[in-house]
Amino acid sequence: MTTSCVRRALLTVALLAPLTAAPAYADCFLIVCGLEAEGTLATNGQVDGVYREVFGRALTVQERSDWAKRGFRDDGLSGAQQGQLRAALLGQLHGSAAQLAEVVTRVTQTSMGVRLSPNNPFFKLLTKLSQQPDSTYASLVAFTRTYLQDAQMGGVRAALIERAYLDSLGRAPSGGDVAYWQAQIVKTGANYADILRAAGEWVLSAGNEAEFAAMIRRAFRLSGRPQPTMDKVAQIRVKSGATLRSFAGWKAFIQAF
């Protein structure tokens, strides 16, 4: 067995282990906690886009205000300004070991749905890669997508698929679900966050009313509450709108009903 095969085998074991690690939704990233903190984040502008590329998070309202005062407006950056902003954020990222570690943690949450220990071999590998001068959250996520496509990563893929289903729908995936997403990860580089979002969209789509009702009943049961009537489930569906929520988010949402 080659050195690379040994290292890959060790990383596989290490990545399969943290099924009991802190779930991604503990840190409210992407859709996992439903809505981002209202009033504290400024989203979907050009400055925000660079923050998401470099740090894997939205910029705060205060950060947006600070950059606007310097002439970097969120909806009107020139190409030169985008380059200047990116260079400034890269300098900020690579000037702080704590920020690099935070970004690596976001990468593992996005890619696999877990917060790995700093002693985990894969965390150490990502940390080493993060120290390259041009490294960003986006580049590390791209690397991890490729890593998960490897033929020997089937067990790791199965584990992250299971986590994504538990975190989004409150249930384990079926054999068909696992087979579908195994193929999608290998073919397209899909990761935990992609599966989480897809499941969140799927359960709200037309024709999936039975799955939605089953998910809501699970949320009531696991919250220690009596099972809802079909009328109450329908009311919850109407009130929920198109907002994507994690299963934890649904358990919080139903408290109003």
Protein backbone atom coordinates (compact mmCIF):
# COMPACT_ATOMS: atom_id res chain seq x y z
CA MET A 1 0.00 0.00 0.00
CA THR A 2 1.39 3.41 -0.98
CA THR A 3 1.88 6.27 1.46
CA SER A 4 -0.97 8.19 -0.18
CA CYS A 5 -3.27 5.18 0.21
CA VAL A 6 -2.37 4.86 3.89
CA ARG A 7 -3.00 8.55 4.46
CA ARG A 8 -6.32 8.35 2.60
CA ALA A 9 -7.39 5.34 4.67
CA LEU A 10 -6.53 7.16 7.90
CA LEU A 11 -8.47 10.22 6.78
CA THR A 12 -11.44 8.05 5.89
CA VAL A 13 -11.51 6.60 9.40
CA ALA A 14 -11.08 10.06 10.91
CA LEU A 15 -13.92 11.53 8.87
CA LEU A 16 -16.30 8.68 9.56
CA ALA A 17 -15.77 9.02 13.30
CA PRO A 18 -17.37 12.41 14.01
CA LEU A 19 -21.00 11.38 13.57
CA THR A 20 -21.43 12.54 17.15
CA ALA A 21 -19.52 15.79 16.65
CA ALA A 22 -21.28 19.13 16.91
CA PRO A 23 -23.76 19.37 14.01
CA ALA A 24 -23.36 22.15 11.52
CA TYR A 25 -26.57 23.86 12.54
CA ALA A 26 -25.00 24.73 15.89
CA ASP A 27 -23.28 27.64 14.14
CA CYS A 28 -26.10 28.85 11.88
CA PHE A 29 -24.37 28.74 8.51
CA LEU A 30 -26.03 28.79 5.10
CA ILE A 31 -29.66 27.69 5.56
CA VAL A 32 -29.06 25.49 8.54
CA CYS A 33 -30.64 27.76 11.14
CA GLY A 34 -33.25 29.10 8.75
CA LEU A 35 -32.72 32.82 8.41
CA GLU A 36 -29.43 34.60 8.95
CA ALA A 37 -29.47 36.93 11.94
CA GLU A 38 -31.79 39.74 10.93
CA GLY A 39 -30.28 43.19 11.19
CA THR A 40 -26.69 42.03 11.63
CA LEU A 41 -25.82 40.76 8.15
CA ALA A 42 -25.86 42.55 4.80
CA THR A 43 -26.37 40.04 2.00
CA ASN A 44 -26.34 39.65 -1.78
CA GLY A 45 -24.18 42.63 -2.81
CA GLN A 46 -20.77 42.75 -4.46
CA VAL A 47 -18.86 43.39 -1.23
CA ASP A 48 -20.83 40.60 0.41
CA GLY A 49 -19.88 38.28 -2.45
CA VAL A 50 -16.17 38.85 -1.83
CA TYR A 51 -16.63 38.25 1.89
CA ARG A 52 -18.38 34.96 1.13
CA GLU A 53 -15.58 33.91 -1.22
CA VAL A 54 -12.78 34.72 1.22
CA PHE A 55 -14.35 34.05 4.63
CA GLY A 56 -17.40 31.88 3.83
CA ARG A 57 -19.74 34.30 5.57
CA ALA A 58 -21.78 37.41 4.86
CA LEU A 59 -20.38 40.77 5.83
CA THR A 60 -22.02 42.53 8.75
CA VAL A 61 -23.98 45.74 8.42
CA GLN A 62 -21.13 47.52 10.22
CA GLU A 63 -18.55 46.13 7.79
CA ARG A 64 -20.67 47.23 4.83
CA SER A 65 -20.92 50.72 6.31
CA ASP A 66 -17.17 50.87 6.90
CA TRP A 67 -16.37 49.86 3.32
CA ALA A 68 -18.96 52.27 1.92
CA LYS A 69 -17.23 55.14 3.72
CA ARG A 70 -14.06 54.19 1.85
CA GLY A 71 -15.88 54.25 -1.49
CA PHE A 72 -16.54 50.50 -1.75
CA ARG A 73 -20.31 50.41 -2.15
CA ASP A 74 -21.98 47.02 -2.05
CA ASP A 75 -23.82 47.50 -5.35
CA GLY A 76 -21.34 49.55 -7.35
CA LEU A 77 -17.81 48.14 -7.28
CA SER A 78 -15.54 48.57 -10.26
CA GLY A 79 -13.33 45.69 -11.34
CA ALA A 80 -10.33 47.42 -9.78
CA GLN A 81 -12.18 47.91 -6.50
CA GLN A 82 -13.15 44.24 -6.39
CA GLY A 83 -9.49 43.32 -6.76
CA GLN A 84 -8.47 45.78 -4.04
CA LEU A 85 -11.17 44.50 -1.69
CA ARG A 86 -10.21 40.88 -2.27
CA ALA A 87 -6.53 41.65 -1.63
CA ALA A 88 -7.42 43.46 1.59
CA LEU A 89 -9.58 40.58 2.84
CA LEU A 90 -6.91 38.02 1.91
CA GLY A 91 -4.41 40.02 3.94
CA GLN A 92 -6.83 40.08 6.85
CA LEU A 93 -7.47 36.33 6.59
CA HIS A 94 -3.84 35.29 6.30
CA GLY A 95 -2.75 37.66 9.01
CA SER A 96 -4.75 35.79 11.63
CA ALA A 97 -4.33 32.14 12.60
CA ALA A 98 -7.66 32.33 14.42
CA GLN A 99 -9.49 33.49 11.29
CA LEU A 100 -7.84 30.76 9.22
CA ALA A 101 -9.00 28.13 11.74
CA GLU A 102 -12.50 29.62 11.65
CA VAL A 103 -12.57 29.39 7.86
CA VAL A 104 -11.35 25.78 7.91
CA THR A 105 -14.16 24.96 10.34
CA ARG A 106 -16.69 26.58 7.97
CA VAL A 107 -15.28 24.47 5.14
CA THR A 108 -15.78 21.21 7.05
CA GLN A 109 -19.30 22.28 8.04
CA THR A 110 -20.21 23.19 4.48
CA SER A 111 -18.62 20.11 2.97
CA MET A 112 -19.34 17.39 5.54
CA GLY A 113 -21.73 18.84 8.10
CA VAL A 114 -19.37 18.54 11.07
CA ARG A 115 -16.93 20.58 13.10
CA LEU A 116 -13.73 18.57 13.13
CA SER A 117 -11.24 18.69 15.98
CA PRO A 118 -8.04 20.64 15.24
CA ASN A 119 -6.26 17.33 15.85
CA ASN A 120 -8.22 15.59 13.09
CA PRO A 121 -5.91 14.65 10.15
CA PHE A 122 -8.23 16.19 7.56
CA PHE A 123 -8.53 19.41 9.58
CA LYS A 124 -4.73 19.53 9.69
CA LEU A 125 -4.54 18.99 5.92
CA LEU A 126 -7.02 21.81 5.26
CA THR A 127 -5.15 24.03 7.71
CA LYS A 128 -1.92 23.44 5.78
CA LEU A 129 -3.67 24.24 2.49
CA SER A 130 -5.27 27.34 4.03
CA GLN A 131 -1.81 28.78 4.68
CA GLN A 132 -1.11 29.13 0.96
CA PRO A 133 -1.18 32.88 0.13
CA ASP A 134 -4.14 32.71 -2.29
CA SER A 135 -6.19 30.27 -0.24
CA THR A 136 -9.80 31.22 0.53
CA TYR A 137 -12.92 29.57 1.91
CA ALA A 138 -14.11 29.04 -1.68
CA SER A 139 -10.86 27.41 -2.82
CA LEU A 140 -10.84 25.06 0.19
CA VAL A 141 -14.46 24.05 -0.46
CA ALA A 142 -13.52 23.36 -4.09
CA PHE A 143 -10.61 21.17 -2.95
CA THR A 144 -12.88 19.25 -0.58
CA ARG A 145 -15.44 18.66 -3.36
CA THR A 146 -12.71 16.98 -5.40
CA TYR A 147 -11.52 15.00 -2.40
CA LEU A 148 -15.03 13.64 -1.75
CA GLN A 149 -15.28 12.43 -5.36
CA ASP A 150 -12.46 9.93 -4.80
CA ALA A 151 -13.49 6.29 -5.21
CA GLN A 152 -12.21 5.42 -1.72
CA MET A 153 -14.41 8.05 -0.03
CA GLY A 154 -17.68 6.10 -0.26
CA GLY A 155 -17.95 5.72 3.51
CA VAL A 156 -17.34 9.42 4.08
CA ARG A 157 -19.94 10.28 1.44
CA ALA A 158 -22.50 7.98 3.09
CA ALA A 159 -21.88 9.62 6.47
CA LEU A 160 -22.34 13.18 5.20
CA ILE A 161 -25.48 12.17 3.26
CA GLU A 162 -26.96 10.75 6.45
CA ARG A 163 -26.09 13.90 8.38
CA ALA A 164 -27.66 16.10 5.71
CA TYR A 165 -30.93 14.14 5.83
CA LEU A 166 -31.07 14.11 9.62
CA ASP A 167 -30.32 17.85 9.74
CA SER A 168 -32.81 18.78 7.02
CA LEU A 169 -35.70 16.30 7.29
CA GLY A 170 -35.16 14.72 10.70
CA ARG A 171 -34.88 11.24 9.22
CA ALA A 172 -32.23 8.93 7.84
CA PRO A 173 -31.97 8.64 4.05
CA SER A 174 -33.41 5.63 2.28
CA GLY A 175 -31.19 3.28 0.31
CA GLY A 176 -32.34 5.04 -2.85
CA ASP A 177 -31.49 8.44 -1.38
CA VAL A 178 -27.98 7.29 -0.51
CA ALA A 179 -27.41 5.76 -3.94
CA TYR A 180 -28.63 8.92 -5.70
CA TRP A 181 -26.44 11.28 -3.68
CA GLN A 182 -23.41 9.00 -3.83
CA ALA A 183 -23.66 9.25 -7.61
CA GLN A 184 -24.25 13.02 -7.53
CA ILE A 185 -21.24 13.66 -5.31
CA VAL A 186 -18.99 11.63 -7.61
CA LYS A 187 -20.44 13.20 -10.76
CA THR A 188 -20.90 16.84 -9.75
CA GLY A 189 -18.92 17.35 -6.54
CA ALA A 190 -22.05 17.97 -4.45
CA ASN A 191 -21.42 18.31 -0.72
CA TYR A 192 -23.32 18.38 2.58
CA ALA A 193 -24.61 21.94 2.10
CA ASP A 194 -25.85 21.12 -1.40
CA ILE A 195 -27.77 18.09 -0.11
CA LEU A 196 -29.13 20.09 2.82
CA ARG A 197 -30.43 22.81 0.52
CA ALA A 198 -31.84 20.33 -2.00
CA ALA A 199 -33.71 18.46 0.73
CA GLY A 200 -35.02 21.73 2.17
CA GLU A 201 -36.34 22.79 -1.24
CA TRP A 202 -37.69 19.33 -2.06
CA VAL A 203 -39.83 19.00 1.08
CA LEU A 204 -41.54 22.32 0.25
CA SER A 205 -42.18 21.53 -3.41
CA ALA A 206 -45.54 20.59 -4.90
CA GLY A 207 -46.33 16.89 -4.68
CA ASN A 208 -44.35 16.33 -1.49
CA GLU A 209 -47.12 17.14 0.96
CA ALA A 210 -46.92 13.69 2.57
CA GLU A 211 -43.19 14.08 3.21
CA PHE A 212 -43.76 17.56 4.64
CA ALA A 213 -46.50 16.26 6.96
CA ALA A 214 -44.28 13.38 8.11
CA MET A 215 -41.44 15.81 8.84
CA ILE A 216 -43.73 18.10 10.87
CA ARG A 217 -45.04 15.13 12.85
CA ARG A 218 -41.45 14.12 13.63
CA ALA A 219 -40.75 17.66 14.78
CA PHE A 220 -43.77 17.58 17.11
CA ARG A 221 -42.88 14.13 18.45
CA LEU A 222 -39.25 15.00 19.12
CA SER A 223 -40.35 18.23 20.79
CA GLY A 224 -42.50 16.20 23.19
CA ARG A 225 -45.77 17.58 21.85
CA PRO A 226 -49.02 15.82 20.82
CA GLN A 227 -49.30 14.95 17.15
CA PRO A 228 -50.80 17.75 15.04
CA THR A 229 -54.02 17.42 13.06
CA MET A 230 -53.89 17.59 9.28
CA ASP A 231 -55.49 21.04 9.50
CA LYS A 232 -52.66 22.21 11.73
CA VAL A 233 -50.05 20.74 9.37
CA ALA A 234 -51.71 22.59 6.48
CA GLN A 235 -51.70 25.81 8.51
CA ILE A 236 -47.99 25.38 9.27
CA ARG A 237 -47.27 24.85 5.58
CA VAL A 238 -49.09 28.04 4.57
CA LYS A 239 -47.41 30.12 7.27
CA SER A 240 -43.95 28.74 6.50
CA GLY A 241 -43.91 30.14 2.98
CA ALA A 242 -40.82 29.41 0.89
CA THR A 243 -38.29 29.83 3.70
CA LEU A 244 -35.73 27.04 3.85
CA ARG A 245 -35.24 25.61 7.33
CA SER A 246 -33.22 22.86 8.93
CA PHE A 247 -35.04 20.26 11.00
CA ALA A 248 -33.93 22.20 14.09
CA GLY A 249 -35.42 25.28 12.45
CA TRP A 250 -38.72 23.48 11.91
CA LYS A 251 -38.80 22.39 15.55
CA ALA A 252 -38.40 26.02 16.54
CA PHE A 253 -40.97 27.22 13.99
CA ILE A 254 -43.75 24.89 15.18
CA GLN A 255 -43.58 26.31 18.70
CA ALA A 256 -45.95 29.06 17.54
CA PHE A 257 -48.65 26.50 16.67
